[in-house]
């Protein structure tokens, strides 16, 4: 697959920023705790489903202090419609315990510290930092992976290498570009039957293949 030229990358960057400059996550949250929990739940689960789950969850456990003392089975009942609920419930409690013990109940906005928490990988840490503080980071989910390959921004087969390719290509405004590419992939450049007639980036499209990371 042919990669985009520097001029094409610059144009793609400009068009995404212009269209999605005010984009935010579609997860509902009121504070950093709710954002982190929601992002953790969103792995392999839609934002819409997470937003259905979290009101009752946050009423029962409004902070890390209460979540750290949660009964595992009770927590699983609250998130039972979420994918991988056993692992997620366990990791949520472990995460909350770590926050209480190591950070006095304050969630650190630091990548190195965030990724030490149970259930928090590089992508989750980046998403939280992008959304909460506009960090100049890229996070690659299924939508970003697919659209970046269709647009010839990367041909790497892994998520992390694709993230590196995007950061190198775009350099700055990565927070806006991440949010924009998520929405672009979710509503326009969809995995099946992409809406090519509505696409504002169609001139740069290299392939309609439904790319997935190895």
N, C-alpha and C. Protein backbone atom coordinates (compact mmCIF):
# COMPACT_ATOMS: atom_id res chain seq x y z
N UNK A 1 0.84 -1.20 0.00
CA UNK A 1 0.00 0.00 0.00
C UNK A 1 0.87 1.26 0.00
N UNK A 2 0.51 2.20 -0.82
CA UNK A 2 1.27 3.44 -0.93
C UNK A 2 1.00 4.36 0.26
N UNK A 3 2.08 4.90 0.82
CA UNK A 3 1.93 5.84 1.93
C UNK A 3 1.66 7.25 1.42
N UNK A 4 1.01 8.05 2.23
CA UNK A 4 0.73 9.43 1.88
C UNK A 4 2.04 10.24 1.84
N UNK A 5 2.07 11.23 0.97
CA UNK A 5 3.23 12.12 0.89
C UNK A 5 3.16 13.15 2.01
N UNK A 6 4.24 13.90 2.21
CA UNK A 6 4.26 14.94 3.23
C UNK A 6 3.18 15.98 2.97
N UNK A 7 2.98 16.32 1.71
CA UNK A 7 1.94 17.30 1.37
C UNK A 7 0.55 16.75 1.67
N UNK A 8 0.34 15.48 1.37
CA UNK A 8 -0.95 14.86 1.66
C UNK A 8 -1.19 14.78 3.16
N UNK A 9 -0.17 14.43 3.91
CA UNK A 9 -0.29 14.36 5.37
C UNK A 9 -0.66 15.73 5.94
N UNK A 10 -0.01 16.76 5.45
CA UNK A 10 -0.30 18.12 5.93
C UNK A 10 -1.74 18.49 5.64
N UNK A 11 -2.23 18.11 4.47
CA UNK A 11 -3.62 18.43 4.10
C UNK A 11 -4.61 17.61 4.93
N UNK A 12 -4.32 16.33 5.13
CA UNK A 12 -5.17 15.48 5.96
C UNK A 12 -5.25 16.05 7.37
N UNK A 13 -4.10 16.42 7.92
CA UNK A 13 -4.03 17.00 9.26
C UNK A 13 -4.88 18.24 9.37
N UNK A 14 -4.74 19.13 8.41
CA UNK A 14 -5.49 20.39 8.42
C UNK A 14 -7.00 20.15 8.35
N UNK A 15 -7.42 19.23 7.50
CA UNK A 15 -8.85 18.96 7.32
C UNK A 15 -9.46 18.32 8.56
N UNK A 16 -8.73 17.39 9.19
CA UNK A 16 -9.24 16.74 10.41
C UNK A 16 -9.35 17.76 11.53
N UNK A 17 -8.33 18.57 11.72
CA UNK A 17 -8.35 19.58 12.78
C UNK A 17 -9.49 20.57 12.56
N UNK A 18 -9.67 21.00 11.33
CA UNK A 18 -10.72 21.97 11.02
C UNK A 18 -12.11 21.41 11.32
N UNK A 19 -12.31 20.13 10.99
CA UNK A 19 -13.64 19.53 11.17
C UNK A 19 -13.91 19.14 12.62
N UNK A 20 -12.87 18.71 13.34
CA UNK A 20 -13.07 18.15 14.67
C UNK A 20 -12.36 18.94 15.77
N UNK A 21 -12.13 20.21 15.56
CA UNK A 21 -11.35 21.00 16.52
C UNK A 21 -11.96 21.06 17.91
N UNK A 22 -13.28 20.87 18.00
CA UNK A 22 -13.93 20.91 19.32
C UNK A 22 -14.37 19.53 19.80
N UNK A 23 -13.85 18.50 19.16
CA UNK A 23 -14.28 17.13 19.49
C UNK A 23 -13.84 16.71 20.88
N UNK A 24 -14.72 15.98 21.54
CA UNK A 24 -14.43 15.40 22.86
C UNK A 24 -14.87 13.94 22.86
N UNK A 25 -14.46 13.23 23.87
CA UNK A 25 -14.91 11.85 23.99
C UNK A 25 -16.43 11.81 24.12
N UNK A 26 -17.01 10.71 23.68
CA UNK A 26 -18.46 10.52 23.82
C UNK A 26 -18.81 9.80 25.12
N UNK A 27 -17.82 9.52 25.93
CA UNK A 27 -18.06 8.97 27.26
C UNK A 27 -18.55 10.07 28.19
N UNK A 28 -19.52 9.75 29.02
CA UNK A 28 -20.04 10.73 29.99
C UNK A 28 -19.23 10.65 31.28
N UNK A 29 -18.72 11.77 31.73
CA UNK A 29 -17.97 11.80 32.99
C UNK A 29 -18.00 13.20 33.59
N UNK A 30 -17.78 13.28 34.91
CA UNK A 30 -17.78 14.56 35.61
C UNK A 30 -16.41 14.92 36.18
N UNK A 31 -15.54 13.94 36.31
CA UNK A 31 -14.23 14.19 36.91
C UNK A 31 -13.23 13.15 36.42
N UNK A 32 -11.99 13.27 36.84
CA UNK A 32 -10.94 12.38 36.38
C UNK A 32 -11.19 10.93 36.78
N UNK A 33 -11.76 10.72 37.96
CA UNK A 33 -12.09 9.36 38.40
C UNK A 33 -13.09 8.72 37.45
N UNK A 34 -14.18 9.43 37.16
CA UNK A 34 -15.20 8.88 36.27
C UNK A 34 -14.66 8.67 34.86
N UNK A 35 -13.78 9.54 34.42
CA UNK A 35 -13.18 9.38 33.09
C UNK A 35 -12.33 8.11 33.04
N UNK A 36 -11.47 7.93 34.03
CA UNK A 36 -10.60 6.76 34.04
C UNK A 36 -11.41 5.47 34.08
N UNK A 37 -12.39 5.40 34.94
CA UNK A 37 -13.24 4.20 35.03
C UNK A 37 -13.95 3.95 33.70
N UNK A 38 -14.49 5.00 33.11
CA UNK A 38 -15.21 4.86 31.84
C UNK A 38 -14.30 4.37 30.72
N UNK A 39 -13.11 4.91 30.66
CA UNK A 39 -12.16 4.48 29.62
C UNK A 39 -11.76 3.03 29.84
N UNK A 40 -11.55 2.64 31.09
CA UNK A 40 -11.23 1.24 31.39
C UNK A 40 -12.36 0.31 30.94
N UNK A 41 -13.58 0.72 31.17
CA UNK A 41 -14.74 -0.10 30.78
C UNK A 41 -14.93 -0.14 29.26
N UNK A 42 -14.46 0.87 28.57
CA UNK A 42 -14.72 0.99 27.13
C UNK A 42 -13.89 0.06 26.26
N UNK A 43 -12.90 -0.61 26.83
CA UNK A 43 -12.10 -1.55 26.05
C UNK A 43 -13.00 -2.68 25.52
N UNK A 44 -13.03 -2.84 24.21
CA UNK A 44 -13.87 -3.85 23.56
C UNK A 44 -15.35 -3.67 23.89
N UNK A 45 -15.74 -2.44 24.16
CA UNK A 45 -17.13 -2.13 24.49
C UNK A 45 -17.45 -0.75 23.95
N UNK A 46 -18.67 -0.53 23.50
CA UNK A 46 -19.00 0.77 22.92
C UNK A 46 -19.18 1.84 23.99
N UNK A 47 -18.91 3.08 23.61
CA UNK A 47 -19.13 4.20 24.53
C UNK A 47 -20.60 4.26 24.95
N UNK A 48 -21.49 3.95 24.02
CA UNK A 48 -22.92 3.98 24.32
C UNK A 48 -23.26 3.01 25.44
N UNK A 49 -22.71 1.81 25.38
CA UNK A 49 -22.96 0.82 26.42
C UNK A 49 -22.37 1.26 27.75
N UNK A 50 -21.16 1.81 27.72
CA UNK A 50 -20.51 2.29 28.94
C UNK A 50 -21.36 3.37 29.60
N UNK A 51 -21.91 4.28 28.80
CA UNK A 51 -22.72 5.37 29.33
C UNK A 51 -24.03 4.88 29.96
N UNK A 52 -24.48 3.71 29.55
CA UNK A 52 -25.66 3.10 30.16
C UNK A 52 -25.30 2.51 31.53
N UNK A 53 -24.10 1.96 31.61
CA UNK A 53 -23.64 1.28 32.82
C UNK A 53 -23.24 2.24 33.94
N UNK A 54 -22.56 3.33 33.58
CA UNK A 54 -21.88 4.13 34.61
C UNK A 54 -22.75 4.94 35.58
N UNK A 55 -23.94 5.40 35.22
CA UNK A 55 -24.70 6.16 36.23
C UNK A 55 -24.91 5.39 37.53
N UNK A 56 -25.35 4.15 37.44
CA UNK A 56 -25.57 3.34 38.64
C UNK A 56 -24.25 2.99 39.31
N UNK A 57 -23.22 2.76 38.50
CA UNK A 57 -21.90 2.44 39.03
C UNK A 57 -21.34 3.59 39.86
N UNK A 58 -21.44 4.81 39.33
CA UNK A 58 -20.90 5.96 40.04
C UNK A 58 -21.76 6.39 41.22
N UNK A 59 -23.02 6.03 41.20
CA UNK A 59 -23.86 6.28 42.37
C UNK A 59 -23.45 5.37 43.52
N UNK A 60 -23.13 4.13 43.18
CA UNK A 60 -22.72 3.16 44.20
C UNK A 60 -21.29 3.40 44.66
N UNK A 61 -20.44 3.78 43.73
CA UNK A 61 -19.01 3.98 44.03
C UNK A 61 -18.56 5.31 43.42
N UNK A 62 -18.76 6.41 44.15
CA UNK A 62 -18.50 7.75 43.59
C UNK A 62 -17.03 8.16 43.56
N UNK A 63 -16.15 7.35 44.13
CA UNK A 63 -14.73 7.72 44.16
C UNK A 63 -13.88 6.48 44.39
N UNK A 64 -12.57 6.66 44.34
CA UNK A 64 -11.68 5.50 44.51
C UNK A 64 -11.76 4.92 45.92
N UNK A 65 -12.06 5.74 46.90
CA UNK A 65 -12.16 5.25 48.27
C UNK A 65 -13.27 4.20 48.39
N UNK A 66 -14.43 4.51 47.85
CA UNK A 66 -15.55 3.57 47.91
C UNK A 66 -15.32 2.38 46.98
N UNK A 67 -14.75 2.63 45.80
CA UNK A 67 -14.51 1.55 44.85
C UNK A 67 -13.47 0.57 45.38
N UNK A 68 -12.51 1.07 46.14
CA UNK A 68 -11.46 0.19 46.68
C UNK A 68 -12.03 -0.81 47.70
N UNK A 69 -13.19 -0.48 48.26
CA UNK A 69 -13.82 -1.36 49.25
C UNK A 69 -14.99 -2.14 48.65
N UNK A 70 -15.14 -2.08 47.34
CA UNK A 70 -16.29 -2.70 46.68
C UNK A 70 -16.25 -4.22 46.80
N UNK A 71 -17.42 -4.81 46.91
CA UNK A 71 -17.57 -6.26 46.85
C UNK A 71 -17.51 -6.66 45.38
N UNK A 72 -16.65 -7.61 45.06
CA UNK A 72 -16.43 -7.98 43.66
C UNK A 72 -17.71 -8.42 42.97
N UNK A 73 -18.50 -9.25 43.61
CA UNK A 73 -19.72 -9.75 42.99
C UNK A 73 -20.74 -8.63 42.79
N UNK A 74 -20.82 -7.72 43.74
CA UNK A 74 -21.74 -6.60 43.60
C UNK A 74 -21.32 -5.69 42.46
N UNK A 75 -20.02 -5.49 42.33
CA UNK A 75 -19.51 -4.67 41.24
C UNK A 75 -19.77 -5.33 39.89
N UNK A 76 -19.59 -6.63 39.84
CA UNK A 76 -19.84 -7.36 38.58
C UNK A 76 -21.30 -7.25 38.17
N UNK A 77 -22.20 -7.21 39.13
CA UNK A 77 -23.62 -7.05 38.81
C UNK A 77 -23.88 -5.70 38.14
N UNK A 78 -23.16 -4.68 38.58
CA UNK A 78 -23.37 -3.34 38.03
C UNK A 78 -22.82 -3.19 36.62
N UNK A 79 -21.81 -3.98 36.27
CA UNK A 79 -21.22 -3.86 34.94
C UNK A 79 -21.43 -5.12 34.11
N UNK A 80 -22.46 -5.90 34.44
CA UNK A 80 -22.64 -7.22 33.83
C UNK A 80 -22.88 -7.17 32.33
N UNK A 81 -23.35 -6.06 31.79
CA UNK A 81 -23.59 -5.98 30.35
C UNK A 81 -22.36 -5.53 29.58
N UNK A 82 -21.26 -5.36 30.29
CA UNK A 82 -20.00 -4.93 29.67
C UNK A 82 -19.15 -6.16 29.31
N UNK A 83 -18.42 -6.07 28.23
CA UNK A 83 -17.55 -7.17 27.84
C UNK A 83 -16.42 -7.36 28.85
N UNK A 84 -15.94 -8.61 28.98
CA UNK A 84 -14.84 -8.95 29.89
C UNK A 84 -15.09 -8.45 31.31
N UNK A 85 -16.31 -8.63 31.79
CA UNK A 85 -16.70 -8.04 33.08
C UNK A 85 -15.90 -8.59 34.25
N UNK A 86 -15.49 -9.85 34.20
CA UNK A 86 -14.73 -10.41 35.32
C UNK A 86 -13.39 -9.70 35.49
N UNK A 87 -12.65 -9.59 34.39
CA UNK A 87 -11.36 -8.91 34.45
C UNK A 87 -11.52 -7.43 34.80
N UNK A 88 -12.51 -6.79 34.19
CA UNK A 88 -12.70 -5.36 34.41
C UNK A 88 -13.09 -5.07 35.86
N UNK A 89 -13.98 -5.87 36.42
CA UNK A 89 -14.39 -5.66 37.81
C UNK A 89 -13.20 -5.82 38.75
N UNK A 90 -12.43 -6.85 38.54
CA UNK A 90 -11.25 -7.09 39.37
C UNK A 90 -10.25 -5.96 39.24
N UNK A 91 -10.00 -5.53 38.01
CA UNK A 91 -9.02 -4.47 37.78
C UNK A 91 -9.48 -3.12 38.35
N UNK A 92 -10.78 -2.85 38.29
CA UNK A 92 -11.30 -1.59 38.85
C UNK A 92 -11.02 -1.51 40.35
N UNK A 93 -11.26 -2.61 41.05
CA UNK A 93 -11.01 -2.61 42.49
C UNK A 93 -9.51 -2.49 42.78
N UNK A 94 -8.68 -3.23 42.04
CA UNK A 94 -7.23 -3.15 42.23
C UNK A 94 -6.72 -1.75 41.91
N UNK A 95 -7.23 -1.15 40.85
CA UNK A 95 -6.84 0.21 40.49
C UNK A 95 -7.16 1.17 41.62
N UNK A 96 -8.38 1.08 42.16
CA UNK A 96 -8.81 1.98 43.23
C UNK A 96 -7.96 1.79 44.49
N UNK A 97 -7.65 0.55 44.81
CA UNK A 97 -6.79 0.28 45.98
C UNK A 97 -5.42 0.92 45.82
N UNK A 98 -4.86 0.82 44.61
CA UNK A 98 -3.55 1.41 44.35
C UNK A 98 -3.59 2.93 44.46
N UNK A 99 -4.64 3.52 43.94
CA UNK A 99 -4.78 4.98 44.01
C UNK A 99 -4.87 5.43 45.46
N UNK A 100 -5.62 4.71 46.26
CA UNK A 100 -5.77 5.06 47.67
C UNK A 100 -4.46 4.87 48.43
N UNK A 101 -3.78 3.78 48.16
CA UNK A 101 -2.57 3.45 48.90
C UNK A 101 -1.35 4.27 48.46
N UNK A 102 -1.18 4.42 47.16
CA UNK A 102 0.04 5.02 46.63
C UNK A 102 -0.07 6.52 46.31
N UNK A 103 -1.29 6.97 46.04
CA UNK A 103 -1.45 8.37 45.60
C UNK A 103 -2.46 9.16 46.42
N UNK A 104 -2.77 8.67 47.61
CA UNK A 104 -3.66 9.36 48.55
C UNK A 104 -4.99 9.74 47.91
N UNK A 105 -5.49 8.84 47.07
CA UNK A 105 -6.80 9.05 46.47
C UNK A 105 -6.82 9.98 45.28
N UNK A 106 -5.66 10.44 44.84
CA UNK A 106 -5.59 11.35 43.69
C UNK A 106 -5.03 10.62 42.47
N UNK A 107 -5.78 10.60 41.41
CA UNK A 107 -5.36 9.90 40.20
C UNK A 107 -4.28 10.71 39.50
N UNK A 108 -3.11 10.12 39.27
CA UNK A 108 -2.00 10.86 38.66
C UNK A 108 -2.19 11.03 37.16
N UNK A 109 -1.96 12.23 36.67
CA UNK A 109 -2.00 12.47 35.23
C UNK A 109 -0.58 12.37 34.68
N UNK A 110 -0.04 11.19 34.82
CA UNK A 110 1.34 10.91 34.43
C UNK A 110 1.35 9.51 33.81
N UNK A 111 1.83 9.42 32.60
CA UNK A 111 1.76 8.14 31.88
C UNK A 111 2.47 7.02 32.62
N UNK A 112 3.66 7.26 33.11
CA UNK A 112 4.43 6.21 33.77
C UNK A 112 3.72 5.69 35.01
N UNK A 113 3.02 6.57 35.71
CA UNK A 113 2.29 6.14 36.90
C UNK A 113 0.97 5.48 36.54
N UNK A 114 0.29 6.01 35.55
CA UNK A 114 -1.00 5.45 35.15
C UNK A 114 -0.87 4.00 34.68
N UNK A 115 0.16 3.71 33.89
CA UNK A 115 0.28 2.36 33.32
C UNK A 115 0.67 1.31 34.36
N UNK A 116 1.01 1.73 35.56
CA UNK A 116 1.28 0.75 36.61
C UNK A 116 0.00 0.28 37.28
N UNK A 117 -1.11 0.96 37.01
CA UNK A 117 -2.39 0.60 37.62
C UNK A 117 -3.01 -0.59 36.90
N UNK A 118 -3.68 -1.45 37.64
CA UNK A 118 -4.33 -2.63 37.06
C UNK A 118 -5.35 -2.19 36.01
N UNK A 119 -5.31 -2.83 34.85
CA UNK A 119 -6.28 -2.54 33.81
C UNK A 119 -6.01 -1.29 33.01
N UNK A 120 -4.88 -0.63 33.27
CA UNK A 120 -4.56 0.61 32.56
C UNK A 120 -3.30 0.39 31.72
N UNK A 121 -3.49 0.28 30.42
CA UNK A 121 -2.36 0.16 29.51
C UNK A 121 -2.02 1.50 28.90
N UNK A 122 -1.13 1.47 27.94
CA UNK A 122 -0.66 2.69 27.28
C UNK A 122 -1.82 3.46 26.62
N UNK A 123 -2.69 2.73 25.90
CA UNK A 123 -3.79 3.39 25.20
C UNK A 123 -4.75 4.06 26.18
N UNK A 124 -5.12 3.36 27.24
CA UNK A 124 -6.02 3.93 28.24
C UNK A 124 -5.41 5.16 28.88
N UNK A 125 -4.13 5.08 29.24
CA UNK A 125 -3.45 6.23 29.84
C UNK A 125 -3.46 7.42 28.89
N UNK A 126 -3.17 7.17 27.62
CA UNK A 126 -3.15 8.25 26.64
C UNK A 126 -4.53 8.88 26.44
N UNK A 127 -5.55 8.03 26.36
CA UNK A 127 -6.91 8.55 26.18
C UNK A 127 -7.30 9.46 27.33
N UNK A 128 -7.00 9.03 28.55
CA UNK A 128 -7.32 9.84 29.73
C UNK A 128 -6.58 11.17 29.69
N UNK A 129 -5.31 11.15 29.37
CA UNK A 129 -4.50 12.37 29.35
C UNK A 129 -4.89 13.29 28.20
N UNK A 130 -5.25 12.71 27.06
CA UNK A 130 -5.71 13.51 25.91
C UNK A 130 -6.99 14.23 26.27
N UNK A 131 -7.94 13.49 26.82
CA UNK A 131 -9.26 14.05 27.10
C UNK A 131 -9.22 15.04 28.27
N UNK A 132 -8.48 14.71 29.32
CA UNK A 132 -8.56 15.51 30.54
C UNK A 132 -7.64 16.72 30.54
N UNK A 133 -6.50 16.62 29.84
CA UNK A 133 -5.58 17.75 29.87
C UNK A 133 -5.03 18.16 28.50
N UNK A 134 -5.64 17.61 27.43
CA UNK A 134 -5.22 17.98 26.09
C UNK A 134 -3.77 17.64 25.81
N UNK A 135 -3.30 16.51 26.34
CA UNK A 135 -1.91 16.11 26.15
C UNK A 135 -1.61 15.85 24.68
N UNK A 136 -0.42 16.22 24.25
CA UNK A 136 -0.01 16.01 22.86
C UNK A 136 0.42 14.56 22.68
N UNK A 137 -0.57 13.66 22.71
CA UNK A 137 -0.35 12.23 22.61
C UNK A 137 -1.31 11.65 21.59
N UNK A 138 -0.97 10.51 21.05
CA UNK A 138 -1.85 9.78 20.15
C UNK A 138 -2.23 8.46 20.79
N UNK A 139 -3.47 8.09 20.70
CA UNK A 139 -3.95 6.79 21.18
C UNK A 139 -4.60 6.09 19.99
N UNK A 140 -4.25 4.85 19.79
CA UNK A 140 -4.74 4.12 18.62
C UNK A 140 -5.74 3.04 19.03
N UNK A 141 -6.99 3.29 18.74
CA UNK A 141 -8.02 2.27 18.93
C UNK A 141 -8.34 1.68 17.57
N UNK A 142 -9.38 0.87 17.49
CA UNK A 142 -9.71 0.20 16.23
C UNK A 142 -10.04 1.21 15.12
N UNK A 143 -10.69 2.33 15.49
CA UNK A 143 -11.05 3.33 14.49
C UNK A 143 -9.83 4.07 13.96
N UNK A 144 -8.95 4.46 14.88
CA UNK A 144 -7.73 5.17 14.47
C UNK A 144 -6.83 4.26 13.66
N UNK A 145 -6.72 3.01 14.05
CA UNK A 145 -5.90 2.06 13.31
C UNK A 145 -6.41 1.92 11.87
N UNK A 146 -7.71 1.68 11.74
CA UNK A 146 -8.29 1.47 10.41
C UNK A 146 -8.15 2.70 9.52
N UNK A 147 -8.51 3.86 10.04
CA UNK A 147 -8.49 5.06 9.21
C UNK A 147 -7.07 5.49 8.86
N UNK A 148 -6.13 5.31 9.77
CA UNK A 148 -4.75 5.69 9.48
C UNK A 148 -4.17 4.83 8.37
N UNK A 149 -4.57 3.58 8.30
CA UNK A 149 -4.09 2.70 7.23
C UNK A 149 -4.81 3.00 5.91
N UNK A 150 -6.08 3.25 5.97
CA UNK A 150 -6.80 3.58 4.74
C UNK A 150 -6.30 4.88 4.12
N UNK A 151 -5.85 5.79 4.95
CA UNK A 151 -5.36 7.08 4.46
C UNK A 151 -3.87 7.06 4.14
N UNK A 152 -3.23 5.90 4.32
CA UNK A 152 -1.83 5.81 4.00
C UNK A 152 -0.91 6.53 4.98
N UNK A 153 -1.37 6.68 6.21
CA UNK A 153 -0.56 7.33 7.24
C UNK A 153 0.35 6.33 7.94
N UNK A 154 0.04 5.07 7.81
CA UNK A 154 0.85 4.01 8.40
C UNK A 154 0.56 2.71 7.68
N UNK A 155 1.52 1.82 7.68
CA UNK A 155 1.27 0.46 7.23
C UNK A 155 1.82 -0.54 8.24
N UNK A 156 2.09 -0.04 9.44
CA UNK A 156 2.56 -0.91 10.53
C UNK A 156 1.43 -1.84 10.96
N UNK A 157 1.80 -3.02 11.41
CA UNK A 157 0.81 -4.03 11.75
C UNK A 157 0.40 -4.03 13.21
N UNK A 158 1.12 -3.28 14.03
CA UNK A 158 0.79 -3.24 15.46
C UNK A 158 0.25 -1.86 15.84
N UNK A 159 -0.48 -1.85 16.95
CA UNK A 159 -1.04 -0.60 17.45
C UNK A 159 0.06 0.38 17.85
N UNK A 160 1.06 -0.11 18.58
CA UNK A 160 2.10 0.79 19.07
C UNK A 160 2.93 1.38 17.94
N UNK A 161 3.26 0.59 16.94
CA UNK A 161 4.02 1.12 15.81
C UNK A 161 3.19 2.11 14.99
N UNK A 162 1.90 1.85 14.90
CA UNK A 162 1.01 2.78 14.21
C UNK A 162 0.95 4.10 14.97
N UNK A 163 0.89 4.02 16.29
CA UNK A 163 0.91 5.23 17.12
C UNK A 163 2.18 6.04 16.85
N UNK A 164 3.32 5.35 16.78
CA UNK A 164 4.59 6.01 16.50
C UNK A 164 4.58 6.68 15.13
N UNK A 165 4.02 5.98 14.14
CA UNK A 165 3.95 6.54 12.79
C UNK A 165 3.11 7.81 12.77
N UNK A 166 1.99 7.79 13.46
CA UNK A 166 1.10 8.95 13.47
C UNK A 166 1.73 10.13 14.20
N UNK A 167 2.36 9.86 15.33
CA UNK A 167 3.02 10.93 16.09
C UNK A 167 4.14 11.56 15.27
N UNK A 168 4.87 10.74 14.52
CA UNK A 168 5.96 11.24 13.68
C UNK A 168 5.41 12.04 12.51
N UNK A 169 4.30 11.58 11.93
CA UNK A 169 3.72 12.26 10.77
C UNK A 169 3.09 13.59 11.15
N UNK A 170 2.35 13.62 12.25
CA UNK A 170 1.58 14.81 12.62
C UNK A 170 2.33 15.76 13.55
N UNK A 171 3.11 15.21 14.45
CA UNK A 171 3.98 15.96 15.39
C UNK A 171 3.24 16.73 16.49
N UNK A 172 2.27 17.55 16.13
CA UNK A 172 1.56 18.33 17.15
C UNK A 172 0.05 18.25 16.92
N UNK A 173 -0.71 18.85 17.84
CA UNK A 173 -2.18 18.77 17.80
C UNK A 173 -2.66 17.32 17.82
N UNK A 174 -1.87 16.45 18.44
CA UNK A 174 -2.22 15.03 18.43
C UNK A 174 -3.51 14.75 19.18
N UNK A 175 -3.79 15.54 20.22
CA UNK A 175 -5.04 15.33 20.97
C UNK A 175 -6.26 15.53 20.08
N UNK A 176 -6.25 16.61 19.30
CA UNK A 176 -7.37 16.89 18.40
C UNK A 176 -7.45 15.83 17.30
N UNK A 177 -6.30 15.46 16.78
CA UNK A 177 -6.26 14.47 15.69
C UNK A 177 -6.75 13.11 16.17
N UNK A 178 -6.39 12.74 17.39
CA UNK A 178 -6.90 11.47 17.95
C UNK A 178 -8.42 11.50 18.05
N UNK A 179 -8.94 12.54 18.69
CA UNK A 179 -10.39 12.64 18.85
C UNK A 179 -11.09 12.65 17.49
N UNK A 180 -10.51 13.38 16.54
CA UNK A 180 -11.10 13.48 15.22
C UNK A 180 -11.10 12.15 14.48
N UNK A 181 -9.99 11.43 14.55
CA UNK A 181 -9.90 10.16 13.84
C UNK A 181 -10.82 9.11 14.43
N UNK A 182 -11.04 9.17 15.75
CA UNK A 182 -12.00 8.26 16.38
C UNK A 182 -13.40 8.50 15.81
N UNK A 183 -13.82 9.75 15.78
CA UNK A 183 -15.16 10.08 15.28
C UNK A 183 -15.28 9.84 13.78
N UNK A 184 -14.22 10.14 13.05
CA UNK A 184 -14.20 9.89 11.60
C UNK A 184 -14.38 8.40 11.33
N UNK A 185 -13.68 7.56 12.07
CA UNK A 185 -13.79 6.12 11.89
C UNK A 185 -15.10 5.55 12.39
N UNK A 186 -15.64 6.17 13.41
CA UNK A 186 -16.89 5.68 14.01
C UNK A 186 -18.11 5.99 13.14
N UNK A 187 -18.11 7.14 12.48
CA UNK A 187 -19.31 7.58 11.77
C UNK A 187 -19.18 7.73 10.26
N UNK A 188 -17.98 7.82 9.73
CA UNK A 188 -17.81 7.99 8.29
C UNK A 188 -17.00 6.84 7.69
N UNK A 189 -15.78 6.69 8.13
CA UNK A 189 -14.89 5.65 7.58
C UNK A 189 -15.06 4.36 8.37
N UNK A 190 -16.28 3.84 8.36
CA UNK A 190 -16.65 2.67 9.15
C UNK A 190 -16.01 1.40 8.58
N UNK A 191 -15.90 0.38 9.42
CA UNK A 191 -15.25 -0.86 9.00
C UNK A 191 -15.97 -1.50 7.82
N UNK A 192 -17.29 -1.58 7.95
CA UNK A 192 -18.10 -2.14 6.87
C UNK A 192 -18.88 -1.01 6.20
N UNK A 193 -18.97 -1.07 4.90
CA UNK A 193 -19.68 -0.07 4.10
C UNK A 193 -19.36 1.37 4.53
N UNK A 194 -18.09 1.78 4.40
CA UNK A 194 -17.74 3.17 4.72
C UNK A 194 -18.54 4.15 3.88
N UNK A 195 -18.85 5.29 4.47
CA UNK A 195 -19.69 6.30 3.80
C UNK A 195 -18.82 7.20 2.90
N UNK A 196 -18.34 6.62 1.83
CA UNK A 196 -17.38 7.30 0.97
C UNK A 196 -17.95 8.57 0.33
N UNK A 197 -19.23 8.59 0.05
CA UNK A 197 -19.84 9.77 -0.57
C UNK A 197 -19.90 10.95 0.40
N UNK A 198 -19.86 10.67 1.70
CA UNK A 198 -19.90 11.72 2.71
C UNK A 198 -18.49 12.10 3.19
N UNK A 199 -17.50 11.38 2.71
CA UNK A 199 -16.15 11.51 3.26
C UNK A 199 -15.43 12.76 2.77
N UNK A 200 -14.94 13.55 3.70
CA UNK A 200 -14.21 14.77 3.36
C UNK A 200 -12.72 14.50 3.12
N UNK A 201 -12.32 13.23 3.25
CA UNK A 201 -10.94 12.85 3.01
C UNK A 201 -10.82 11.81 1.88
N UNK A 202 -11.87 11.66 1.10
CA UNK A 202 -11.90 10.60 0.09
C UNK A 202 -10.77 10.68 -0.93
N UNK A 203 -10.29 11.88 -1.22
CA UNK A 203 -9.23 12.04 -2.22
C UNK A 203 -7.90 11.42 -1.75
N UNK A 204 -7.80 11.18 -0.44
CA UNK A 204 -6.54 10.64 0.11
C UNK A 204 -6.63 9.14 0.39
N UNK A 205 -7.79 8.55 0.15
CA UNK A 205 -8.01 7.15 0.49
C UNK A 205 -7.16 6.23 -0.39
N UNK A 206 -6.45 5.30 0.26
CA UNK A 206 -5.59 4.35 -0.46
C UNK A 206 -6.25 2.97 -0.58
N UNK A 207 -7.20 2.69 0.31
CA UNK A 207 -7.79 1.36 0.34
C UNK A 207 -9.06 1.37 1.18
N UNK A 208 -9.99 0.50 0.84
CA UNK A 208 -11.21 0.33 1.64
C UNK A 208 -11.12 -0.93 2.50
N UNK A 209 -9.94 -1.54 2.53
CA UNK A 209 -9.74 -2.74 3.34
C UNK A 209 -10.03 -2.44 4.81
N UNK A 210 -10.64 -3.41 5.49
CA UNK A 210 -10.96 -3.22 6.91
C UNK A 210 -9.78 -3.65 7.75
N UNK A 211 -8.81 -2.77 7.89
CA UNK A 211 -7.57 -3.09 8.59
C UNK A 211 -7.78 -3.36 10.08
N UNK A 212 -7.09 -4.38 10.57
CA UNK A 212 -7.10 -4.69 11.99
C UNK A 212 -5.66 -4.99 12.43
N UNK A 213 -5.30 -4.56 13.62
CA UNK A 213 -3.92 -4.83 14.08
C UNK A 213 -3.69 -6.31 14.31
N UNK A 214 -2.46 -6.75 14.11
CA UNK A 214 -2.10 -8.13 14.37
C UNK A 214 -1.94 -8.37 15.87
